[in-house]
Amino acid sequence: MISFTEAQLVAWVSPILWPFLRVLALFTAAPVLSSRVFPMRAKIGLAFLVAFAAQASLPPQALISITGPDAFGAVVQQVGVGLAIGFTVRLVFAAFELAGQVVGFQMGLGFAAFFDPASSAQSSAMGRFYAALASLLFVVLNGHLMLIMAVIHSFQAFPVDQNFLQALSRMRLHELGANLFASAFWISLPVVAMLMFANLALGIVSRVAPQMNIYAVGFPVTLAVGLVGVAATLPMLEQPFSSLMEQMMQVFAKR
């Protein structure tokens, strides 16, 4: 009769269980991958495949018994780190959506809002457009591969040791909020500058020709200038998206 000891089972299961939990938590929180159209069974199978394929490149991890007192802390750490990686990527998408909302507000499309079932909140039309554009850039620029590389490299920066609070303090995720607003305004700056000059020109026209109804003329002009500015800046959005993704992924690089 073949028998296995608990130490043997821990040595077999532990190296793949903790990466599996971290990758599965990432797939639960990361944009695009966490979509409802992505079946849960497919997420679980893909997470197990990634954890199994990454065994050759992962550093040696501590062997933690599944039934031991340290198992709960290890589970919390893996889930927390995986959710943190997905959260940082969501910040990149939020920066693009905020940039779209700023542009839409300056164009006069602030009233063009609708209910977004994904976020359960009101979202503007330009904000959704920039969010969809970020999703397309995420797929085209192999953002999913960057996420897998980040979760593999995170085992070097944050190994399995049950110290989730220490890992959270080293990530300093609270400082990424300032980068979110700064990046959003930098992305929307070209279009906002064009709209500012358009409004300045409309102000001069209203002073030169007071009989002209500037409110009837201003909205079509700002809308047309905004659409032209958005179309002109679309090819240049690849660089800020790539730099933001790299900046966010550096949080989980080896230190």
Protein backbone atom coordinates (compact mmCIF):
# COMPACT_ATOMS: atom_id res chain seq x y z
CA MET A 1 0.00 0.00 0.00
CA ILE A 2 1.35 3.38 -1.01
CA SER A 3 1.33 5.98 1.74
CA PHE A 4 2.34 9.61 1.87
CA THR A 5 3.45 11.63 4.83
CA GLU A 6 2.20 15.13 5.56
CA ALA A 7 5.64 16.56 4.84
CA GLN A 8 5.59 15.03 1.36
CA LEU A 9 2.13 16.39 0.62
CA VAL A 10 3.17 19.85 1.80
CA ALA A 11 6.29 19.69 -0.38
CA TRP A 12 4.15 18.84 -3.40
CA VAL A 13 1.17 21.12 -2.88
CA SER A 14 2.70 24.22 -1.27
CA PRO A 15 4.89 25.36 -4.23
CA ILE A 16 1.89 25.53 -6.56
CA LEU A 17 -0.94 26.42 -4.15
CA TRP A 18 0.32 29.87 -3.10
CA PRO A 19 1.12 31.07 -6.66
CA PHE A 20 -2.28 29.74 -7.74
CA LEU A 21 -4.07 31.83 -5.09
CA ARG A 22 -2.10 34.95 -5.99
CA VAL A 23 -2.76 34.61 -9.73
CA LEU A 24 -6.44 33.82 -9.15
CA ALA A 25 -6.79 36.95 -6.99
CA LEU A 26 -5.15 38.94 -9.79
CA PHE A 27 -7.64 37.59 -12.34
CA THR A 28 -10.45 38.57 -9.98
CA ALA A 29 -9.40 42.23 -9.73
CA ALA A 30 -7.54 43.08 -12.94
CA PRO A 31 -9.43 44.90 -15.70
CA VAL A 32 -10.51 42.94 -18.78
CA LEU A 33 -9.57 39.66 -17.07
CA SER A 34 -12.17 40.22 -14.35
CA SER A 35 -14.96 40.77 -16.86
CA ARG A 36 -18.19 38.89 -16.31
CA VAL A 37 -17.97 37.45 -19.80
CA PHE A 38 -14.84 35.57 -18.70
CA PRO A 39 -16.18 32.37 -17.06
CA MET A 40 -15.03 31.57 -13.54
CA ARG A 41 -13.99 28.06 -14.55
CA ALA A 42 -11.76 29.51 -17.23
CA LYS A 43 -10.20 31.89 -14.67
CA ILE A 44 -9.48 29.03 -12.28
CA GLY A 45 -8.02 26.85 -15.03
CA LEU A 46 -5.89 29.65 -16.45
CA ALA A 47 -4.66 30.61 -12.97
CA PHE A 48 -3.62 27.01 -12.29
CA LEU A 49 -1.90 26.84 -15.69
CA VAL A 50 0.05 30.05 -15.02
CA ALA A 51 1.04 28.88 -11.53
CA PHE A 52 2.16 25.50 -12.86
CA ALA A 53 4.11 26.95 -15.80
CA ALA A 54 5.85 29.51 -13.58
CA GLN A 55 7.36 26.90 -11.25
CA ALA A 56 10.67 26.87 -13.14
CA SER A 57 11.16 30.64 -12.76
CA LEU A 58 9.85 31.13 -9.23
CA PRO A 59 12.37 31.47 -6.40
CA PRO A 60 12.33 28.86 -3.63
CA GLN A 61 9.39 29.49 -1.31
CA ALA A 62 8.81 28.57 2.29
CA LEU A 63 6.91 25.33 2.82
CA ILE A 64 3.75 26.12 4.76
CA SER A 65 1.39 23.39 5.85
CA ILE A 66 -2.17 23.80 4.64
CA THR A 67 -3.54 22.67 8.00
CA GLY A 68 -1.00 24.59 10.07
CA PRO A 69 -1.53 27.86 11.96
CA ASP A 70 0.41 29.82 9.32
CA ALA A 71 -1.88 28.81 6.45
CA PHE A 72 -4.43 31.57 7.09
CA GLY A 73 -1.75 34.28 7.05
CA ALA A 74 -0.31 32.87 3.83
CA VAL A 75 -3.72 32.86 2.16
CA VAL A 76 -4.36 36.47 3.21
CA GLN A 77 -0.97 37.53 1.85
CA GLN A 78 -1.41 35.83 -1.53
CA VAL A 79 -4.91 37.16 -2.03
CA GLY A 80 -3.89 40.63 -0.87
CA VAL A 81 -0.86 40.87 -3.17
CA GLY A 82 -2.87 39.58 -6.14
CA LEU A 83 -5.65 42.09 -5.50
CA ALA A 84 -3.07 44.87 -5.11
CA ILE A 85 -1.61 44.12 -8.55
CA GLY A 86 -5.07 44.23 -10.09
CA PHE A 87 -5.83 47.45 -8.20
CA THR A 88 -2.76 49.22 -9.61
CA VAL A 89 -3.82 48.33 -13.15
CA ARG A 90 -7.31 49.62 -12.42
CA LEU A 91 -5.70 52.93 -11.46
CA VAL A 92 -4.30 53.18 -15.00
CA PHE A 93 -7.78 52.65 -16.42
CA ALA A 94 -9.20 55.14 -13.92
CA ALA A 95 -6.65 57.73 -15.06
CA PHE A 96 -7.83 57.39 -18.65
CA GLU A 97 -11.47 57.53 -17.62
CA LEU A 98 -10.86 60.65 -15.53
CA ALA A 99 -9.06 62.24 -18.49
CA GLY A 100 -12.09 61.49 -20.65
CA GLN A 101 -14.43 63.04 -18.11
CA VAL A 102 -12.31 66.20 -17.97
CA VAL A 103 -12.29 66.44 -21.76
CA GLY A 104 -16.03 65.81 -21.96
CA PHE A 105 -16.74 68.46 -19.33
CA GLN A 106 -14.69 71.03 -21.25
CA MET A 107 -16.45 70.08 -24.50
CA GLY A 108 -19.84 70.62 -22.94
CA LEU A 109 -20.72 66.93 -22.78
CA GLY A 110 -20.97 66.82 -19.03
CA PHE A 111 -24.69 66.14 -19.33
CA ALA A 112 -24.08 63.11 -21.58
CA ALA A 113 -23.93 60.58 -18.76
CA PHE A 114 -25.48 57.15 -18.36
CA PHE A 115 -25.51 54.32 -15.86
CA ASP A 116 -22.52 52.00 -16.12
CA PRO A 117 -23.42 48.48 -14.91
CA ALA A 118 -19.75 47.54 -14.59
CA SER A 119 -19.03 50.18 -11.95
CA SER A 120 -22.65 50.69 -10.75
CA ALA A 121 -22.26 54.44 -11.11
CA GLN A 122 -22.94 57.28 -13.52
CA SER A 123 -20.30 57.63 -16.23
CA SER A 124 -19.88 60.23 -18.96
CA ALA A 125 -19.74 59.37 -22.64
CA MET A 126 -16.16 60.58 -23.12
CA GLY A 127 -15.09 58.81 -19.94
CA ARG A 128 -16.45 55.51 -21.26
CA PHE A 129 -14.79 56.18 -24.62
CA TYR A 130 -11.38 56.66 -23.00
CA ALA A 131 -11.95 53.61 -20.79
CA ALA A 132 -12.75 51.49 -23.85
CA LEU A 133 -9.65 52.88 -25.53
CA ALA A 134 -7.58 51.88 -22.50
CA SER A 135 -9.00 48.36 -22.71
CA LEU A 136 -8.01 48.13 -26.37
CA LEU A 137 -4.50 49.38 -25.59
CA PHE A 138 -4.27 46.87 -22.75
CA VAL A 139 -4.94 43.99 -25.13
CA VAL A 140 -2.89 45.32 -28.05
CA LEU A 141 0.18 46.15 -25.94
CA ASN A 142 0.13 42.73 -24.23
CA GLY A 143 -0.93 44.11 -20.88
CA HIS A 144 -2.05 40.64 -19.79
CA LEU A 145 1.51 39.40 -20.27
CA MET A 146 2.79 42.32 -18.20
CA LEU A 147 0.41 41.29 -15.41
CA ILE A 148 1.69 37.71 -15.47
CA MET A 149 5.29 38.96 -15.36
CA ALA A 150 4.40 41.26 -12.47
CA VAL A 151 2.79 38.49 -10.42
CA ILE A 152 5.81 36.23 -11.02
CA HIS A 153 8.27 38.98 -10.07
CA SER A 154 6.19 39.75 -6.99
CA PHE A 155 7.35 36.47 -5.45
CA GLN A 156 10.86 37.90 -5.36
CA ALA A 157 9.79 41.19 -3.79
CA PHE A 158 7.08 39.70 -1.58
CA PRO A 159 7.80 36.01 -0.88
CA VAL A 160 5.37 33.73 0.93
CA ASP A 161 6.01 34.63 4.58
CA GLN A 162 2.56 35.63 5.97
CA ASN A 163 3.68 39.27 6.42
CA PHE A 164 0.92 40.94 4.43
CA LEU A 165 0.98 44.19 6.40
CA GLN A 166 4.72 44.53 5.82
CA ALA A 167 4.23 43.88 2.10
CA LEU A 168 1.42 46.44 2.01
CA SER A 169 3.61 49.07 3.65
CA ARG A 170 6.34 48.45 1.07
CA MET A 171 3.91 48.78 -1.83
CA ARG A 172 2.74 52.23 -0.64
CA LEU A 173 -0.40 52.02 -2.72
CA HIS A 174 -1.80 55.14 -1.08
CA GLU A 175 0.77 57.23 -2.95
CA LEU A 176 -0.51 56.09 -6.34
CA GLY A 177 -3.61 58.28 -6.02
CA ALA A 178 -1.57 61.43 -6.67
CA ASN A 179 -0.16 59.84 -9.81
CA LEU A 180 -3.70 59.00 -10.89
CA PHE A 181 -4.84 62.63 -10.93
CA ALA A 182 -1.56 63.94 -12.34
CA SER A 183 -1.55 61.41 -15.17
CA ALA A 184 -5.21 62.07 -16.00
CA PHE A 185 -4.64 65.80 -16.36
CA TRP A 186 -1.49 65.29 -18.42
CA ILE A 187 -3.41 63.00 -20.80
CA SER A 188 -6.25 65.50 -21.19
CA LEU A 189 -3.98 68.57 -21.35
CA PRO A 190 -3.67 68.85 -25.18
CA VAL A 191 -7.43 68.74 -25.78
CA VAL A 192 -8.13 71.04 -22.83
CA ALA A 193 -5.58 73.55 -24.18
CA MET A 194 -7.26 73.51 -27.60
CA LEU A 195 -10.65 74.09 -25.99
CA MET A 196 -9.24 76.91 -23.89
CA PHE A 197 -8.03 78.72 -27.01
CA ALA A 198 -11.40 78.07 -28.67
CA ASN A 199 -13.22 79.60 -25.70
CA LEU A 200 -10.80 82.53 -25.74
CA ALA A 201 -11.57 83.11 -29.42
CA LEU A 202 -15.31 82.91 -28.71
CA GLY A 203 -14.88 85.46 -25.94
CA ILE A 204 -13.16 87.85 -28.34
CA VAL A 205 -15.90 87.32 -30.93
CA SER A 206 -18.58 88.04 -28.34
CA ARG A 207 -16.91 91.35 -27.53
CA VAL A 208 -16.42 92.33 -31.16
CA ALA A 209 -19.93 91.30 -32.24
CA PRO A 210 -22.27 91.61 -29.24
CA GLN A 211 -25.31 90.96 -31.39
CA MET A 212 -24.16 87.39 -32.05
CA ASN A 213 -25.75 84.74 -29.82
CA ILE A 214 -22.54 83.25 -28.43
CA TYR A 215 -24.40 80.52 -26.54
CA ALA A 216 -25.92 79.17 -29.77
CA VAL A 217 -22.57 79.27 -31.59
CA GLY A 218 -20.29 78.29 -28.72
CA PHE A 219 -21.53 74.74 -28.14
CA PRO A 220 -21.09 73.51 -31.76
CA VAL A 221 -17.68 75.17 -31.96
CA THR A 222 -16.37 73.69 -28.70
CA LEU A 223 -17.83 70.30 -29.60
CA ALA A 224 -16.18 70.32 -33.03
CA VAL A 225 -12.82 71.53 -31.63
CA GLY A 226 -12.97 68.88 -28.91
CA LEU A 227 -13.67 66.07 -31.36
CA VAL A 228 -10.83 67.25 -33.60
CA GLY A 229 -8.50 67.41 -30.61
CA VAL A 230 -9.49 63.92 -29.44
CA ALA A 231 -8.96 62.52 -32.95
CA ALA A 232 -5.56 64.23 -33.18
CA THR A 233 -4.34 62.95 -29.81
CA LEU A 234 -5.55 59.35 -30.13
CA PRO A 235 -2.35 58.10 -31.86
CA MET A 236 -0.27 59.59 -29.03
CA LEU A 237 -2.02 57.77 -26.16
CA GLU A 238 0.10 54.64 -26.54
CA GLN A 239 3.12 56.19 -24.84
CA PRO A 240 1.37 57.43 -21.66
CA PHE A 241 -0.44 54.10 -21.30
CA SER A 242 2.81 52.14 -21.61
CA SER A 243 4.64 54.41 -19.17
CA LEU A 244 1.80 54.19 -16.64
CA MET A 245 1.74 50.39 -16.88
CA GLU A 246 5.49 50.20 -16.37
CA GLN A 247 5.31 52.62 -13.45
CA MET A 248 2.58 50.60 -11.78
CA MET A 249 4.36 47.29 -12.35
CA GLN A 250 7.57 48.63 -10.81
CA VAL A 251 5.78 48.64 -7.47
CA PHE A 252 5.99 44.84 -7.44
CA ALA A 253 9.54 44.55 -8.79
CA LYS A 254 12.34 43.20 -6.66
CA ARG A 255 13.72 45.75 -4.19
